[in-house]
Amino acid sequence: MLNPFSMQGKVGIVAGLANQDSIAFGCAQALHNAGAECIVTYASPKAEKFVTPLAADMGQPELVCCDVQQDAQLDDLFARAHERWGRVDFVVHSIAFAPLEDLHGRVVDCSREGFALAMDISCHSFIRMARRAEPLMQDGGTLLNMTYYGAEKVVDNYNLMGPVKAALESATRYLAAELGPQGIRVHAVSPGAIRTRAAAGLKAFDELARDGETRSPLRRLASVQDVGNTVVYLASDAGAALTGLTHYVDAGRHLRF
C-alpha cells in the first residue's frame, strides 16, 4: 500500500524564503524530506546571499528571485515550473508585508497607501499565484498560505495585519469553493508566534512569544518544521478530502483567551 503522506513524485513552488528562520524554509525542508521536488523563491537579489547557503538543507531546490508585485516575474516563475515539470502539484505562499509606520500604529490611523500595499503583498499576491497555478493543476493540487490568529481575534500590536490576514482567510474559502470542482484544494495555515524575520517587525513580539510559551496547552511555540510537516500532510494524498480550512499550528494557543 502506498504511503498517503508521501510526496514522492510531487512538484511545486514554495514562495517567501528569507533565511533559515523562515516558515518557507521549514516548508521546503519538510516537502523535500517527504520526497517532493521544489522551486523556492526569495523576494529580492539582496536576499540571495542569505538563502543560497540553505539549499543543501532543502535538497538543492532551484532558487528563483521573484518579487510578487512584479507580474512579469510571477509569469516567469510559473513558466519555469511548466518548462521543468509540465505541471504544479502544490504552491506554498509564505509572504507578508506592511510598512512599519502603518503596522506599529492603530488600524484607524493606517494610511491608504500602507493598507493597499499590505493587502497587495500579503493577500492579493496569493490570488495572483493561484490564478497562474490553476492551468498547471489539471490533475488537481494544493494551494497553501500562512495566516495568524489575529485575523479572527484582536491581538495586541498585530494591528493592520489583522484585517489583511482576515481577507486572506476569506479569500482562501472562496478560492476553495471556486477551484474545488477541478480537484484543487486551498488551505490557510495559522502558526502561532514564531521567531521569524517578519515577526520581528511586530511591536512587543517577545511578549507575544512568552505568552505562547506559557499559556498554550503544550507550553511551547511551534517551529517552522512543525509548520512544514503540516503543509506536507495537507498537500499529500492524506489530506485529499480537506479544503477551505484554517489549520492552527500553535501548540493549542488559539483555544485560550
C-alpha atoms as a PDB file:
ATOM      1  CA  MET A   1       0.000   0.000   0.000  1.00  0.00           C
ATOM      2  CA  LEU A   2       1.299   3.444  -0.919  1.00  0.00           C
ATOM      3  CA  ASN A   3       2.073   5.829   1.926  1.00  0.00           C
ATOM      4  CA  PRO A   4      -0.601   8.575   1.706  1.00  0.00           C
ATOM      5  CA  PHE A   5       1.746  11.022   3.470  1.00  0.00           C
ATOM      6  CA  SER A   6       4.465  10.600   0.852  1.00  0.00           C
ATOM      7  CA  MET A   7       5.199  13.489  -1.528  1.00  0.00           C
ATOM      8  CA  GLN A   8       7.291  11.287  -3.787  1.00  0.00           C
ATOM      9  CA  GLY A   9       6.867  12.418  -7.383  1.00  0.00           C
ATOM     10  CA  LYS A  10       5.068  15.658  -6.461  1.00  0.00           C
ATOM     11  CA  VAL A  11       6.422  19.010  -7.602  1.00  0.00           C
ATOM     12  CA  GLY A  12       5.692  22.578  -6.693  1.00  0.00           C
ATOM     13  CA  ILE A  13       6.648  26.065  -5.564  1.00  0.00           C
ATOM     14  CA  VAL A  14       7.490  27.420  -2.118  1.00  0.00           C
ATOM     15  CA  ALA A  15       7.479  31.218  -2.083  1.00  0.00           C
ATOM     16  CA  GLY A  16       8.870  33.534   0.564  1.00  0.00           C
ATOM     17  CA  LEU A  17      12.281  32.260   1.691  1.00  0.00           C
ATOM     18  CA  ALA A  18      14.356  34.845   3.586  1.00  0.00           C
ATOM     19  CA  ASN A  19      16.613  32.870   5.941  1.00  0.00           C
ATOM     20  CA  GLN A  20      16.751  29.661   7.996  1.00  0.00           C
ATOM     21  CA  ASP A  21      14.115  31.012  10.388  1.00  0.00           C
ATOM     22  CA  SER A  22      11.586  31.478   7.564  1.00  0.00           C
ATOM     23  CA  ILE A  23       8.419  29.427   7.541  1.00  0.00           C
ATOM     24  CA  ALA A  24       9.186  28.884   3.858  1.00  0.00           C
ATOM     25  CA  PHE A  25      12.432  27.175   4.860  1.00  0.00           C
ATOM     26  CA  GLY A  26      10.608  24.756   7.158  1.00  0.00           C
ATOM     27  CA  CYS A  27       8.093  24.009   4.396  1.00  0.00           C
ATOM     28  CA  ALA A  28      10.704  23.435   1.682  1.00  0.00           C
ATOM     29  CA  GLN A  29      12.738  21.237   4.012  1.00  0.00           C
ATOM     30  CA  ALA A  30       9.740  19.106   5.039  1.00  0.00           C
ATOM     31  CA  LEU A  31       8.495  18.766   1.460  1.00  0.00           C
ATOM     32  CA  HIS A  32      11.931  17.617   0.318  1.00  0.00           C
ATOM     33  CA  ASN A  33      12.183  15.124   3.181  1.00  0.00           C
ATOM     34  CA  ALA A  34       8.797  13.717   2.131  1.00  0.00           C
ATOM     35  CA  GLY A  35      10.012  13.255  -1.444  1.00  0.00           C
ATOM     36  CA  ALA A  36       8.807  16.388  -3.247  1.00  0.00           C
ATOM     37  CA  GLU A  37      10.776  18.496  -5.691  1.00  0.00           C
ATOM     38  CA  CYS A  38      10.553  22.280  -5.302  1.00  0.00           C
ATOM     39  CA  ILE A  39      11.289  25.623  -6.806  1.00  0.00           C
ATOM     40  CA  VAL A  40      11.896  28.018  -3.895  1.00  0.00           C
ATOM     41  CA  THR A  41      11.601  31.773  -4.291  1.00  0.00           C
ATOM     42  CA  TYR A  42      13.080  34.736  -2.463  1.00  0.00           C
ATOM     43  CA  ALA A  43      11.975  38.349  -2.804  1.00  0.00           C
ATOM     44  CA  SER A  44      14.996  40.340  -3.950  1.00  0.00           C
ATOM     45  CA  PRO A  45      18.616  39.993  -5.080  1.00  0.00           C
ATOM     46  CA  LYS A  46      19.707  41.262  -1.653  1.00  0.00           C
ATOM     47  CA  ALA A  47      18.380  38.055  -0.095  1.00  0.00           C
ATOM     48  CA  GLU A  48      20.421  35.755  -2.339  1.00  0.00           C
ATOM     49  CA  LYS A  49      23.454  35.630  -0.036  1.00  0.00           C
ATOM     50  CA  PHE A  50      21.221  34.523   2.850  1.00  0.00           C
ATOM     51  CA  VAL A  51      19.241  31.850   1.004  1.00  0.00           C
ATOM     52  CA  THR A  52      21.918  30.221  -1.166  1.00  0.00           C
ATOM     53  CA  PRO A  53      23.679  28.541   1.800  1.00  0.00           C
ATOM     54  CA  LEU A  54      20.349  26.940   2.786  1.00  0.00           C
ATOM     55  CA  ALA A  55      19.977  24.991  -0.453  1.00  0.00           C
ATOM     56  CA  ALA A  56      21.606  21.791   0.810  1.00  0.00           C
ATOM     57  CA  ASP A  57      19.175  21.543   3.735  1.00  0.00           C
ATOM     58  CA  MET A  58      16.259  21.832   1.317  1.00  0.00           C
ATOM     59  CA  GLY A  59      17.531  19.188  -1.107  1.00  0.00           C
ATOM     60  CA  GLN A  60      19.171  21.613  -3.547  1.00  0.00           C
ATOM     61  CA  PRO A  61      15.965  23.133  -4.949  1.00  0.00           C
ATOM     62  CA  GLU A  62      16.050  25.579  -7.797  1.00  0.00           C
ATOM     63  CA  LEU A  63      16.205  29.055  -6.226  1.00  0.00           C
ATOM     64  CA  VAL A  64      14.405  31.845  -8.074  1.00  0.00           C
ATOM     65  CA  CYS A  65      14.234  35.550  -7.274  1.00  0.00           C
ATOM     66  CA  CYS A  66      10.594  36.615  -7.523  1.00  0.00           C
ATOM     67  CA  ASP A  67       9.024  39.878  -6.393  1.00  0.00           C
ATOM     68  CA  VAL A  68       5.305  39.068  -6.235  1.00  0.00           C
ATOM     69  CA  GLN A  69       4.435  42.667  -7.084  1.00  0.00           C
ATOM     70  CA  GLN A  70       6.042  42.215 -10.487  1.00  0.00           C
ATOM     71  CA  ASP A  71       3.653  40.356 -12.789  1.00  0.00           C
ATOM     72  CA  ALA A  72       6.433  39.551 -15.246  1.00  0.00           C
ATOM     73  CA  GLN A  73       8.418  37.803 -12.515  1.00  0.00           C
ATOM     74  CA  LEU A  74       5.376  35.780 -11.464  1.00  0.00           C
ATOM     75  CA  ASP A  75       4.775  34.852 -15.090  1.00  0.00           C
ATOM     76  CA  ASP A  76       8.395  33.745 -15.424  1.00  0.00           C
ATOM     77  CA  LEU A  77       8.178  31.681 -12.231  1.00  0.00           C
ATOM     78  CA  PHE A  78       5.188  29.654 -13.391  1.00  0.00           C
ATOM     79  CA  ALA A  79       6.566  29.420 -16.918  1.00  0.00           C
ATOM     80  CA  ARG A  80       9.712  27.911 -15.434  1.00  0.00           C
ATOM     81  CA  ALA A  81       7.645  25.387 -13.450  1.00  0.00           C
ATOM     82  CA  HIS A  82       5.767  24.459 -16.620  1.00  0.00           C
ATOM     83  CA  GLU A  83       9.022  24.126 -18.564  1.00  0.00           C
ATOM     84  CA  ARG A  84      10.591  21.964 -15.905  1.00  0.00           C
ATOM     85  CA  TRP A  85       7.693  19.696 -14.959  1.00  0.00           C
ATOM     86  CA  GLY A  86       4.703  20.443 -17.175  1.00  0.00           C
ATOM     87  CA  ARG A  87       2.545  20.786 -14.066  1.00  0.00           C
ATOM     88  CA  VAL A  88       2.445  22.012 -10.467  1.00  0.00           C
ATOM     89  CA  ASP A  89       1.092  19.907  -7.588  1.00  0.00           C
ATOM     90  CA  PHE A  90       1.383  22.477  -4.791  1.00  0.00           C
ATOM     91  CA  VAL A  91       2.099  26.132  -4.145  1.00  0.00           C
ATOM     92  CA  VAL A  92       3.063  27.419  -0.695  1.00  0.00           C
ATOM     93  CA  HIS A  93       2.662  31.193  -0.239  1.00  0.00           C
ATOM     94  CA  SER A  94       4.601  32.362   2.829  1.00  0.00           C
ATOM     95  CA  ILE A  95       4.724  36.090   2.141  1.00  0.00           C
ATOM     96  CA  ALA A  96       3.536  39.082   4.157  1.00  0.00           C
ATOM     97  CA  PHE A  97       4.475  42.739   4.434  1.00  0.00           C
ATOM     98  CA  ALA A  98       3.216  46.000   5.888  1.00  0.00           C
ATOM     99  CA  PRO A  99       5.078  49.325   6.211  1.00  0.00           C
ATOM    100  CA  LEU A 100       6.330  49.684   9.775  1.00  0.00           C
ATOM    101  CA  GLU A 101       4.729  53.078  10.292  1.00  0.00           C
ATOM    102  CA  ASP A 102       1.334  51.555   9.483  1.00  0.00           C
ATOM    103  CA  LEU A 103       1.966  48.276  11.289  1.00  0.00           C
ATOM    104  CA  HIS A 104       3.033  49.990  14.503  1.00  0.00           C
ATOM    105  CA  GLY A 105       0.098  52.388  14.617  1.00  0.00           C
ATOM    106  CA  ARG A 106      -3.617  51.987  15.176  1.00  0.00           C
ATOM    107  CA  VAL A 107      -5.670  50.480  12.364  1.00  0.00           C
ATOM    108  CA  VAL A 108      -7.824  53.613  12.335  1.00  0.00           C
ATOM    109  CA  ASP A 109      -4.716  55.672  11.584  1.00  0.00           C
ATOM    110  CA  CYS A 110      -3.204  53.497   8.853  1.00  0.00           C
ATOM    111  CA  SER A 111      -2.561  55.185   5.540  1.00  0.00           C
ATOM    112  CA  ARG A 112      -4.407  54.355   2.355  1.00  0.00           C
ATOM    113  CA  GLU A 113      -1.094  53.547   0.694  1.00  0.00           C
ATOM    114  CA  GLY A 114       0.105  51.333   3.542  1.00  0.00           C
ATOM    115  CA  PHE A 115      -3.163  49.413   3.706  1.00  0.00           C
ATOM    116  CA  ALA A 116      -3.172  48.868  -0.052  1.00  0.00           C
ATOM    117  CA  LEU A 117       0.457  47.724  -0.067  1.00  0.00           C
ATOM    118  CA  ALA A 118      -0.059  45.289   2.817  1.00  0.00           C
ATOM    119  CA  MET A 119      -3.168  43.871   1.159  1.00  0.00           C
ATOM    120  CA  ASP A 120      -1.463  43.549  -2.224  1.00  0.00           C
ATOM    121  CA  ILE A 121       1.617  41.704  -0.999  1.00  0.00           C
ATOM    122  CA  SER A 122       0.072  39.688   1.827  1.00  0.00           C
ATOM    123  CA  CYS A 123      -3.277  38.746   0.276  1.00  0.00           C
ATOM    124  CA  HIS A 124      -3.793  39.526  -3.385  1.00  0.00           C
ATOM    125  CA  SER A 125      -0.442  38.040  -4.378  1.00  0.00           C
ATOM    126  CA  PHE A 126      -1.799  34.670  -3.202  1.00  0.00           C
ATOM    127  CA  ILE A 127      -4.737  35.106  -5.561  1.00  0.00           C
ATOM    128  CA  ARG A 128      -2.367  36.040  -8.392  1.00  0.00           C
ATOM    129  CA  MET A 129      -0.337  32.904  -7.752  1.00  0.00           C
ATOM    130  CA  ALA A 130      -3.484  30.770  -7.616  1.00  0.00           C
ATOM    131  CA  ARG A 131      -4.592  32.134 -10.985  1.00  0.00           C
ATOM    132  CA  ARG A 132      -1.278  31.159 -12.548  1.00  0.00           C
ATOM    133  CA  ALA A 133      -1.205  27.768 -10.843  1.00  0.00           C
ATOM    134  CA  GLU A 134      -4.718  26.761 -11.936  1.00  0.00           C
ATOM    135  CA  PRO A 135      -3.881  25.780 -15.530  1.00  0.00           C
ATOM    136  CA  LEU A 136      -0.886  23.775 -14.268  1.00  0.00           C
ATOM    137  CA  MET A 137      -3.080  21.734 -11.909  1.00  0.00           C
ATOM    138  CA  GLN A 138      -5.037  19.743 -14.470  1.00  0.00           C
ATOM    139  CA  ASP A 139      -4.979  16.714 -12.167  1.00  0.00           C
ATOM    140  CA  GLY A 140      -5.655  18.734  -9.032  1.00  0.00           C
ATOM    141  CA  GLY A 141      -3.283  20.220  -6.494  1.00  0.00           C
ATOM    142  CA  THR A 142      -2.995  22.195  -3.279  1.00  0.00           C
ATOM    143  CA  LEU A 143      -2.597  25.929  -2.644  1.00  0.00           C
ATOM    144  CA  LEU A 144      -1.487  26.995   0.836  1.00  0.00           C
ATOM    145  CA  ASN A 145      -0.902  30.311   2.565  1.00  0.00           C
ATOM    146  CA  MET A 146       0.179  31.470   6.033  1.00  0.00           C
ATOM    147  CA  THR A 147      -2.164  33.379   8.323  1.00  0.00           C
ATOM    148  CA  TYR A 148      -2.386  34.153  12.058  1.00  0.00           C
ATOM    149  CA  TYR A 149      -4.921  34.107  14.900  1.00  0.00           C
ATOM    150  CA  GLY A 150      -5.014  37.917  14.756  1.00  0.00           C
ATOM    151  CA  ALA A 151      -7.268  37.550  11.717  1.00  0.00           C
ATOM    152  CA  GLU A 152     -10.011  36.149  13.952  1.00  0.00           C
ATOM    153  CA  LYS A 153      -9.461  37.920  17.281  1.00  0.00           C
ATOM    154  CA  VAL A 154      -7.843  41.204  18.219  1.00  0.00           C
ATOM    155  CA  VAL A 155      -4.225  40.557  19.181  1.00  0.00           C
ATOM    156  CA  ASP A 156      -2.378  43.482  20.730  1.00  0.00           C
ATOM    157  CA  ASN A 157       0.155  45.039  18.347  1.00  0.00           C
ATOM    158  CA  TYR A 158      -0.894  42.904  15.353  1.00  0.00           C
ATOM    159  CA  ASN A 159      -2.766  45.966  14.137  1.00  0.00           C
ATOM    160  CA  LEU A 160      -3.017  46.374  10.351  1.00  0.00           C
ATOM    161  CA  MET A 161      -2.132  42.753   9.647  1.00  0.00           C
ATOM    162  CA  GLY A 162      -5.315  41.594  11.386  1.00  0.00           C
ATOM    163  CA  PRO A 163      -7.679  42.889   8.677  1.00  0.00           C
ATOM    164  CA  VAL A 164      -5.216  41.828   5.981  1.00  0.00           C
ATOM    165  CA  LYS A 165      -4.994  38.246   7.242  1.00  0.00           C
ATOM    166  CA  ALA A 166      -8.776  38.160   7.668  1.00  0.00           C
ATOM    167  CA  ALA A 167      -9.059  38.992   3.982  1.00  0.00           C
ATOM    168  CA  LEU A 168      -6.561  36.244   3.176  1.00  0.00           C
ATOM    169  CA  GLU A 169      -8.562  33.660   5.137  1.00  0.00           C
ATOM    170  CA  SER A 170     -11.770  34.720   3.391  1.00  0.00           C
ATOM    171  CA  ALA A 171     -10.048  34.521   0.006  1.00  0.00           C
ATOM    172  CA  THR A 172      -8.918  31.005   0.940  1.00  0.00           C
ATOM    173  CA  ARG A 173     -12.531  29.897   1.413  1.00  0.00           C
ATOM    174  CA  TYR A 174     -13.716  31.487  -1.839  1.00  0.00           C
ATOM    175  CA  LEU A 175     -10.840  30.007  -3.835  1.00  0.00           C
ATOM    176  CA  ALA A 176     -11.551  26.600  -2.294  1.00  0.00           C
ATOM    177  CA  ALA A 177     -15.169  26.818  -3.468  1.00  0.00           C
ATOM    178  CA  GLU A 178     -14.239  28.025  -6.945  1.00  0.00           C
ATOM    179  CA  LEU A 179     -11.367  25.611  -7.600  1.00  0.00           C
ATOM    180  CA  GLY A 180     -12.672  22.559  -5.752  1.00  0.00           C
ATOM    181  CA  PRO A 181     -14.523  21.116  -8.757  1.00  0.00           C
ATOM    182  CA  GLN A 182     -11.134  20.891 -10.502  1.00  0.00           C
ATOM    183  CA  GLY A 183      -9.632  18.959  -7.617  1.00  0.00           C
ATOM    184  CA  ILE A 184      -7.650  21.950  -6.355  1.00  0.00           C
ATOM    185  CA  ARG A 185      -7.610  22.249  -2.572  1.00  0.00           C
ATOM    186  CA  VAL A 186      -6.923  25.546  -0.804  1.00  0.00           C
ATOM    187  CA  HIS A 187      -5.819  25.995   2.810  1.00  0.00           C
ATOM    188  CA  ALA A 188      -4.648  28.617   5.267  1.00  0.00           C
ATOM    189  CA  VAL A 189      -2.109  27.512   7.864  1.00  0.00           C
ATOM    190  CA  SER A 190      -2.098  29.544  11.084  1.00  0.00           C
ATOM    191  CA  PRO A 191       1.125  29.250  13.074  1.00  0.00           C
ATOM    192  CA  GLY A 192       1.338  30.870  16.449  1.00  0.00           C
ATOM    193  CA  ALA A 193       4.154  33.200  17.401  1.00  0.00           C
ATOM    194  CA  ILE A 194       7.305  32.039  15.607  1.00  0.00           C
ATOM    195  CA  ARG A 195      10.598  33.922  15.762  1.00  0.00           C
ATOM    196  CA  THR A 196      10.872  34.828  12.090  1.00  0.00           C
ATOM    197  CA  ARG A 197      12.240  37.989  10.485  1.00  0.00           C
ATOM    198  CA  ALA A 198       8.696  39.093   9.649  1.00  0.00           C
ATOM    199  CA  ALA A 199       7.575  38.618  13.249  1.00  0.00           C
ATOM    200  CA  ALA A 200      10.416  40.826  14.421  1.00  0.00           C
ATOM    201  CA  GLY A 201       8.571  43.765  12.872  1.00  0.00           C
ATOM    202  CA  LEU A 202       5.742  43.470  15.424  1.00  0.00           C
ATOM    203  CA  LYS A 203       5.891  45.640  18.499  1.00  0.00           C
ATOM    204  CA  ALA A 204       6.351  43.671  21.733  1.00  0.00           C
ATOM    205  CA  PHE A 205       6.815  40.389  19.849  1.00  0.00           C
ATOM    206  CA  ASP A 206       8.805  38.921  22.736  1.00  0.00           C
ATOM    207  CA  GLU A 207       5.754  39.339  24.962  1.00  0.00           C
ATOM    208  CA  LEU A 208       3.637  37.512  22.410  1.00  0.00           C
ATOM    209  CA  ALA A 209       6.171  34.688  22.242  1.00  0.00           C
ATOM    210  CA  ARG A 210       6.337  34.375  26.029  1.00  0.00           C
ATOM    211  CA  ASP A 211       2.542  34.243  26.125  1.00  0.00           C
ATOM    212  CA  GLY A 212       2.610  31.333  23.676  1.00  0.00           C
ATOM    213  CA  GLU A 213       5.248  29.511  25.677  1.00  0.00           C
ATOM    214  CA  THR A 214       3.413  29.890  28.980  1.00  0.00           C
ATOM    215  CA  ARG A 215      -0.274  29.764  28.032  1.00  0.00           C
ATOM    216  CA  SER A 216      -0.528  27.324  25.134  1.00  0.00           C
ATOM    217  CA  PRO A 217      -1.688  23.873  26.234  1.00  0.00           C
ATOM    218  CA  LEU A 218       1.587  22.342  25.029  1.00  0.00           C
ATOM    219  CA  ARG A 219       3.629  25.110  26.710  1.00  0.00           C
ATOM    220  CA  ARG A 220       5.795  25.785  23.698  1.00  0.00           C
ATOM    221  CA  LEU A 221       5.898  27.627  20.412  1.00  0.00           C
ATOM    222  CA  ALA A 222       5.542  25.857  17.101  1.00  0.00           C
ATOM    223  CA  SER A 223       8.638  25.671  14.923  1.00  0.00           C
ATOM    224  CA  VAL A 224       8.986  26.261  11.199  1.00  0.00           C
ATOM    225  CA  GLN A 225       9.480  22.493  10.926  1.00  0.00           C
ATOM    226  CA  ASP A 226       6.105  21.935  12.630  1.00  0.00           C
ATOM    227  CA  VAL A 227       4.516  24.163  10.015  1.00  0.00           C
ATOM    228  CA  GLY A 228       6.355  22.353   7.238  1.00  0.00           C
ATOM    229  CA  ASN A 229       5.115  18.965   8.437  1.00  0.00           C
ATOM    230  CA  THR A 230       1.549  20.288   8.439  1.00  0.00           C
ATOM    231  CA  VAL A 231       1.989  21.514   4.877  1.00  0.00           C
ATOM    232  CA  VAL A 232       3.181  18.056   3.843  1.00  0.00           C
ATOM    233  CA  TYR A 233       0.068  16.475   5.346  1.00  0.00           C
ATOM    234  CA  LEU A 234      -2.258  18.940   3.618  1.00  0.00           C
ATOM    235  CA  ALA A 235      -0.524  18.706   0.230  1.00  0.00           C
ATOM    236  CA  SER A 236      -0.225  14.924   0.299  1.00  0.00           C
ATOM    237  CA  ASP A 237      -2.890  12.369  -0.530  1.00  0.00           C
ATOM    238  CA  ALA A 238      -3.529  12.084   3.210  1.00  0.00           C
ATOM    239  CA  GLY A 239      -5.288  15.453   3.009  1.00  0.00           C
ATOM    240  CA  ALA A 240      -7.275  14.636  -0.119  1.00  0.00           C
ATOM    241  CA  ALA A 241     -10.699  15.244   1.489  1.00  0.00           C
ATOM    242  CA  LEU A 242      -9.779  18.587   3.112  1.00  0.00           C
ATOM    243  CA  THR A 243     -10.157  22.064   1.657  1.00  0.00           C
ATOM    244  CA  GLY A 244     -11.051  25.618   2.606  1.00  0.00           C
ATOM    245  CA  LEU A 245      -9.838  25.345   6.195  1.00  0.00           C
ATOM    246  CA  THR A 246      -7.658  27.345   8.547  1.00  0.00           C
ATOM    247  CA  HIS A 247      -5.289  24.955  10.319  1.00  0.00           C
ATOM    248  CA  TYR A 248      -3.840  26.133  13.632  1.00  0.00           C
ATOM    249  CA  VAL A 249      -0.251  25.070  14.244  1.00  0.00           C
ATOM    250  CA  ASP A 250       0.259  26.919  17.525  1.00  0.00           C
ATOM    251  CA  ALA A 251       0.564  24.288  20.275  1.00  0.00           C
ATOM    252  CA  GLY A 252      -3.110  24.956  21.024  1.00  0.00           C
ATOM    253  CA  ARG A 253      -2.725  28.645  21.926  1.00  0.00           C
ATOM    254  CA  HIS A 254      -5.826  29.628  19.898  1.00  0.00           C
ATOM    255  CA  LEU A 255      -8.004  27.679  22.375  1.00  0.00           C
ATOM    256  CA  ARG A 256      -7.470  30.226  25.116  1.00  0.00           C
ATOM    257  CA  PHE A 257      -8.464  33.845  25.611  1.00  0.00           C
END
